[in-house]
Amino acid sequence: MAHGEEEGRRGAVRRAASRLVTALALLAAACVQVGTQGPVPGERDPYPNLATVPDRPVPSTTPEERRGIVDALIAERDAAKRADQALRAATERK
């Protein structure tokens, strides 16, 4: 093996080792940072009593408003179906 080839291989090994050391240092730094984030929210709170049920929330709309929203959504869905059918019929004729 020629002297130049040997030097080239040594340089490649050194660069690879340097990259490995850098990667390990970055991983170690990331582990340290994760541990310093502080306590987990709710970690110190008592465990909730699963036998209790919260009160029902107050609705933000009246029954009439909800019915109007439902009717509008139904109409929008029907219009979309009609548009889809018309588009499919137009493309099938070609």
N, C-alpha and C. Protein backbone atom coordinates (compact mmCIF):
# COMPACT_ATOMS: atom_id res chain seq x y z
N MET A 1 0.84 -1.16 0.00
CA MET A 1 0.00 0.00 0.00
C MET A 1 0.90 1.23 0.00
N ALA A 2 0.55 2.20 -0.77
CA ALA A 2 1.36 3.41 -0.89
C ALA A 2 1.16 4.29 0.33
N HIS A 3 2.16 5.12 0.57
CA HIS A 3 2.14 6.02 1.74
C HIS A 3 0.95 6.99 1.66
N GLY A 4 0.60 7.47 0.49
CA GLY A 4 -0.51 8.41 0.31
C GLY A 4 -1.86 7.78 0.63
N GLU A 5 -2.02 6.53 0.23
CA GLU A 5 -3.28 5.82 0.51
C GLU A 5 -3.47 5.63 2.00
N GLU A 6 -2.37 5.29 2.68
CA GLU A 6 -2.44 5.08 4.13
C GLU A 6 -2.83 6.36 4.84
N GLU A 7 -2.25 7.48 4.43
CA GLU A 7 -2.60 8.78 5.03
C GLU A 7 -4.06 9.13 4.76
N GLY A 8 -4.53 8.79 3.57
CA GLY A 8 -5.92 9.06 3.21
C GLY A 8 -6.90 8.28 4.09
N ARG A 9 -6.55 7.03 4.34
CA ARG A 9 -7.41 6.20 5.19
C ARG A 9 -7.40 6.69 6.63
N ARG A 10 -6.24 7.08 7.12
CA ARG A 10 -6.15 7.61 8.48
C ARG A 10 -7.00 8.86 8.62
N GLY A 11 -6.96 9.72 7.61
CA GLY A 11 -7.77 10.94 7.64
C GLY A 11 -9.26 10.62 7.65
N ALA A 12 -9.66 9.63 6.87
CA ALA A 12 -11.07 9.23 6.82
C ALA A 12 -11.51 8.66 8.16
N VAL A 13 -10.64 7.86 8.79
CA VAL A 13 -10.96 7.28 10.10
C VAL A 13 -11.06 8.39 11.14
N ARG A 14 -10.16 9.36 11.09
CA ARG A 14 -10.21 10.47 12.04
C ARG A 14 -11.48 11.29 11.87
N ARG A 15 -11.87 11.56 10.62
CA ARG A 15 -13.10 12.33 10.38
C ARG A 15 -14.32 11.56 10.88
N ALA A 16 -14.36 10.25 10.64
CA ALA A 16 -15.48 9.44 11.11
C ALA A 16 -15.54 9.43 12.63
N ALA A 17 -14.38 9.29 13.27
CA ALA A 17 -14.34 9.30 14.74
C ALA A 17 -14.78 10.65 15.29
N SER A 18 -14.37 11.72 14.62
CA SER A 18 -14.76 13.06 15.04
C SER A 18 -16.27 13.25 14.93
N ARG A 19 -16.85 12.77 13.85
CA ARG A 19 -18.31 12.86 13.68
C ARG A 19 -19.04 12.05 14.74
N LEU A 20 -18.53 10.87 15.06
CA LEU A 20 -19.14 10.03 16.08
C LEU A 20 -19.11 10.71 17.44
N VAL A 21 -17.97 11.28 17.80
CA VAL A 21 -17.85 11.97 19.08
C VAL A 21 -18.80 13.16 19.13
N THR A 22 -18.92 13.92 18.03
CA THR A 22 -19.83 15.06 17.98
C THR A 22 -21.28 14.61 18.15
N ALA A 23 -21.66 13.54 17.45
CA ALA A 23 -23.02 13.02 17.56
C ALA A 23 -23.33 12.57 18.98
N LEU A 24 -22.41 11.88 19.62
CA LEU A 24 -22.62 11.44 21.00
C LEU A 24 -22.72 12.61 21.96
N ALA A 25 -21.92 13.65 21.73
CA ALA A 25 -21.99 14.84 22.59
C ALA A 25 -23.35 15.53 22.43
N LEU A 26 -23.84 15.61 21.20
CA LEU A 26 -25.16 16.23 20.98
C LEU A 26 -26.27 15.41 21.63
N LEU A 27 -26.20 14.10 21.53
CA LEU A 27 -27.20 13.25 22.17
C LEU A 27 -27.17 13.41 23.69
N ALA A 28 -25.99 13.47 24.26
CA ALA A 28 -25.88 13.64 25.71
C ALA A 28 -26.43 14.99 26.13
N ALA A 29 -26.17 16.03 25.35
CA ALA A 29 -26.69 17.36 25.67
C ALA A 29 -28.21 17.37 25.59
N ALA A 30 -28.79 16.66 24.62
CA ALA A 30 -30.24 16.60 24.49
C ALA A 30 -30.86 15.90 25.69
N CYS A 31 -30.23 14.87 26.19
CA CYS A 31 -30.74 14.16 27.37
C CYS A 31 -30.74 15.06 28.60
N VAL A 32 -29.72 15.85 28.74
CA VAL A 32 -29.64 16.76 29.88
C VAL A 32 -30.74 17.80 29.80
N GLN A 33 -31.00 18.33 28.61
CA GLN A 33 -32.03 19.36 28.45
C GLN A 33 -33.42 18.81 28.73
N VAL A 34 -33.70 17.58 28.34
CA VAL A 34 -35.01 17.00 28.58
C VAL A 34 -35.27 16.89 30.08
N GLY A 35 -34.28 16.55 30.83
CA GLY A 35 -34.44 16.40 32.27
C GLY A 35 -34.62 17.71 33.01
N THR A 36 -34.31 18.84 32.40
CA THR A 36 -34.39 20.13 33.09
C THR A 36 -35.64 20.93 32.69
N GLN A 37 -36.64 20.28 32.15
CA GLN A 37 -37.84 20.98 31.70
C GLN A 37 -38.74 21.39 32.85
N GLY A 38 -38.60 20.82 34.01
CA GLY A 38 -39.46 21.14 35.13
C GLY A 38 -40.46 20.02 35.38
N PRO A 39 -41.32 20.21 36.38
CA PRO A 39 -42.27 19.15 36.71
C PRO A 39 -43.33 18.99 35.62
N VAL A 40 -43.85 17.81 35.53
CA VAL A 40 -44.92 17.52 34.59
C VAL A 40 -46.21 18.14 35.13
N PRO A 41 -46.99 18.85 34.29
CA PRO A 41 -48.24 19.44 34.79
C PRO A 41 -49.16 18.37 35.38
N GLY A 42 -49.68 18.64 36.55
CA GLY A 42 -50.58 17.70 37.22
C GLY A 42 -49.87 16.60 37.99
N GLU A 43 -48.56 16.59 37.94
CA GLU A 43 -47.79 15.52 38.59
C GLU A 43 -47.99 15.53 40.11
N ARG A 44 -48.14 16.72 40.67
CA ARG A 44 -48.28 16.82 42.13
C ARG A 44 -49.74 16.85 42.58
N ASP A 45 -50.68 16.87 41.64
CA ASP A 45 -52.10 16.86 41.99
C ASP A 45 -52.52 15.46 42.44
N PRO A 46 -53.52 15.39 43.31
CA PRO A 46 -53.99 14.06 43.72
C PRO A 46 -54.65 13.36 42.53
N TYR A 47 -54.64 12.05 42.58
CA TYR A 47 -55.26 11.28 41.51
C TYR A 47 -56.76 11.55 41.51
N PRO A 48 -57.37 11.80 40.34
CA PRO A 48 -58.80 12.15 40.32
C PRO A 48 -59.68 10.98 40.73
N ASN A 49 -60.80 11.31 41.32
CA ASN A 49 -61.79 10.30 41.69
C ASN A 49 -62.62 10.00 40.46
N LEU A 50 -62.47 8.83 39.91
CA LEU A 50 -63.16 8.47 38.68
C LEU A 50 -64.65 8.17 38.91
N ALA A 51 -65.08 8.09 40.15
CA ALA A 51 -66.49 7.84 40.44
C ALA A 51 -67.32 9.12 40.34
N THR A 52 -66.68 10.26 40.30
CA THR A 52 -67.42 11.52 40.20
C THR A 52 -67.63 11.89 38.74
N VAL A 53 -68.76 12.54 38.48
CA VAL A 53 -69.10 12.98 37.14
C VAL A 53 -69.29 14.49 37.19
N PRO A 54 -68.63 15.24 36.31
CA PRO A 54 -68.81 16.69 36.34
C PRO A 54 -70.22 17.07 35.88
N ASP A 55 -70.65 18.27 36.25
CA ASP A 55 -71.96 18.77 35.83
C ASP A 55 -71.98 18.91 34.31
N ARG A 56 -73.18 18.78 33.75
CA ARG A 56 -73.34 18.93 32.31
C ARG A 56 -73.08 20.39 31.95
N PRO A 57 -72.29 20.63 30.91
CA PRO A 57 -72.01 22.02 30.54
C PRO A 57 -73.26 22.71 30.00
N VAL A 58 -73.30 24.02 30.17
CA VAL A 58 -74.41 24.81 29.67
C VAL A 58 -74.26 24.95 28.16
N PRO A 59 -75.30 24.64 27.38
CA PRO A 59 -75.19 24.75 25.92
C PRO A 59 -74.95 26.20 25.50
N SER A 60 -74.16 26.39 24.45
CA SER A 60 -73.87 27.73 23.98
C SER A 60 -74.90 28.20 22.94
N THR A 61 -75.77 27.31 22.50
CA THR A 61 -76.83 27.68 21.55
C THR A 61 -78.16 27.14 22.04
N THR A 62 -79.22 27.73 21.53
CA THR A 62 -80.58 27.26 21.88
C THR A 62 -80.93 26.07 21.00
N PRO A 63 -81.94 25.31 21.39
CA PRO A 63 -82.36 24.19 20.54
C PRO A 63 -82.77 24.65 19.13
N GLU A 64 -83.39 25.82 19.03
CA GLU A 64 -83.79 26.33 17.71
C GLU A 64 -82.56 26.64 16.85
N GLU A 65 -81.53 27.23 17.47
CA GLU A 65 -80.31 27.54 16.72
C GLU A 65 -79.63 26.25 16.25
N ARG A 66 -79.60 25.25 17.12
CA ARG A 66 -78.98 23.97 16.73
C ARG A 66 -79.75 23.32 15.59
N ARG A 67 -81.09 23.40 15.64
CA ARG A 67 -81.91 22.83 14.56
C ARG A 67 -81.62 23.55 13.24
N GLY A 68 -81.45 24.88 13.31
CA GLY A 68 -81.12 25.64 12.11
C GLY A 68 -79.77 25.25 11.54
N ILE A 69 -78.81 25.02 12.43
CA ILE A 69 -77.48 24.58 11.98
C ILE A 69 -77.56 23.21 11.33
N VAL A 70 -78.31 22.30 11.93
CA VAL A 70 -78.47 20.96 11.38
C VAL A 70 -79.13 21.04 10.01
N ASP A 71 -80.19 21.85 9.89
CA ASP A 71 -80.88 21.98 8.60
C ASP A 71 -79.94 22.54 7.52
N ALA A 72 -79.11 23.53 7.89
CA ALA A 72 -78.17 24.11 6.94
C ALA A 72 -77.13 23.08 6.50
N LEU A 73 -76.66 22.27 7.43
CA LEU A 73 -75.69 21.23 7.09
C LEU A 73 -76.30 20.17 6.17
N ILE A 74 -77.55 19.80 6.44
CA ILE A 74 -78.23 18.82 5.58
C ILE A 74 -78.40 19.37 4.18
N ALA A 75 -78.80 20.65 4.07
CA ALA A 75 -78.97 21.27 2.76
C ALA A 75 -77.64 21.34 2.02
N GLU A 76 -76.58 21.67 2.73
CA GLU A 76 -75.25 21.74 2.11
C GLU A 76 -74.80 20.38 1.62
N ARG A 77 -75.05 19.34 2.41
CA ARG A 77 -74.69 17.98 2.00
C ARG A 77 -75.46 17.56 0.76
N ASP A 78 -76.77 17.86 0.72
CA ASP A 78 -77.60 17.50 -0.44
C ASP A 78 -77.13 18.25 -1.69
N ALA A 79 -76.77 19.52 -1.54
CA ALA A 79 -76.27 20.30 -2.69
C ALA A 79 -74.95 19.72 -3.19
N ALA A 80 -74.09 19.28 -2.29
CA ALA A 80 -72.82 18.69 -2.69
C ALA A 80 -73.05 17.37 -3.43
N LYS A 81 -74.01 16.58 -2.97
CA LYS A 81 -74.33 15.33 -3.66
C LYS A 81 -74.84 15.60 -5.07
N ARG A 82 -75.72 16.60 -5.21
CA ARG A 82 -76.25 16.94 -6.53
C ARG A 82 -75.13 17.43 -7.45
N ALA A 83 -74.25 18.24 -6.94
CA ALA A 83 -73.14 18.74 -7.75
C ALA A 83 -72.23 17.59 -8.17
N ASP A 84 -71.99 16.65 -7.27
CA ASP A 84 -71.16 15.49 -7.58
C ASP A 84 -71.80 14.65 -8.68
N GLN A 85 -73.10 14.41 -8.56
CA GLN A 85 -73.80 13.61 -9.56
C GLN A 85 -73.77 14.30 -10.92
N ALA A 86 -73.97 15.63 -10.94
CA ALA A 86 -73.94 16.37 -12.20
C ALA A 86 -72.55 16.32 -12.82
N LEU A 87 -71.54 16.46 -12.02
CA LEU A 87 -70.17 16.43 -12.52
C LEU A 87 -69.82 15.05 -13.05
N ARG A 88 -70.23 14.01 -12.34
CA ARG A 88 -69.93 12.66 -12.81
C ARG A 88 -70.68 12.37 -14.12
N ALA A 89 -71.94 12.82 -14.21
CA ALA A 89 -72.70 12.60 -15.43
C ALA A 89 -72.06 13.35 -16.60
N ALA A 90 -71.55 14.54 -16.37
CA ALA A 90 -70.93 15.32 -17.44
C ALA A 90 -69.63 14.68 -17.91
N THR A 91 -68.87 14.10 -16.99
CA THR A 91 -67.59 13.49 -17.39
C THR A 91 -67.80 12.13 -18.05
N GLU A 92 -68.89 11.44 -17.73
CA GLU A 92 -69.14 10.13 -18.34
C GLU A 92 -69.59 10.27 -19.78
N ARG A 93 -70.21 11.39 -20.13
CA ARG A 93 -70.69 11.59 -21.50
C ARG A 93 -69.56 11.79 -22.50
N LYS A 94 -68.41 12.21 -22.02
CA LYS A 94 -67.31 12.54 -22.95
C LYS A 94 -66.73 11.35 -23.58
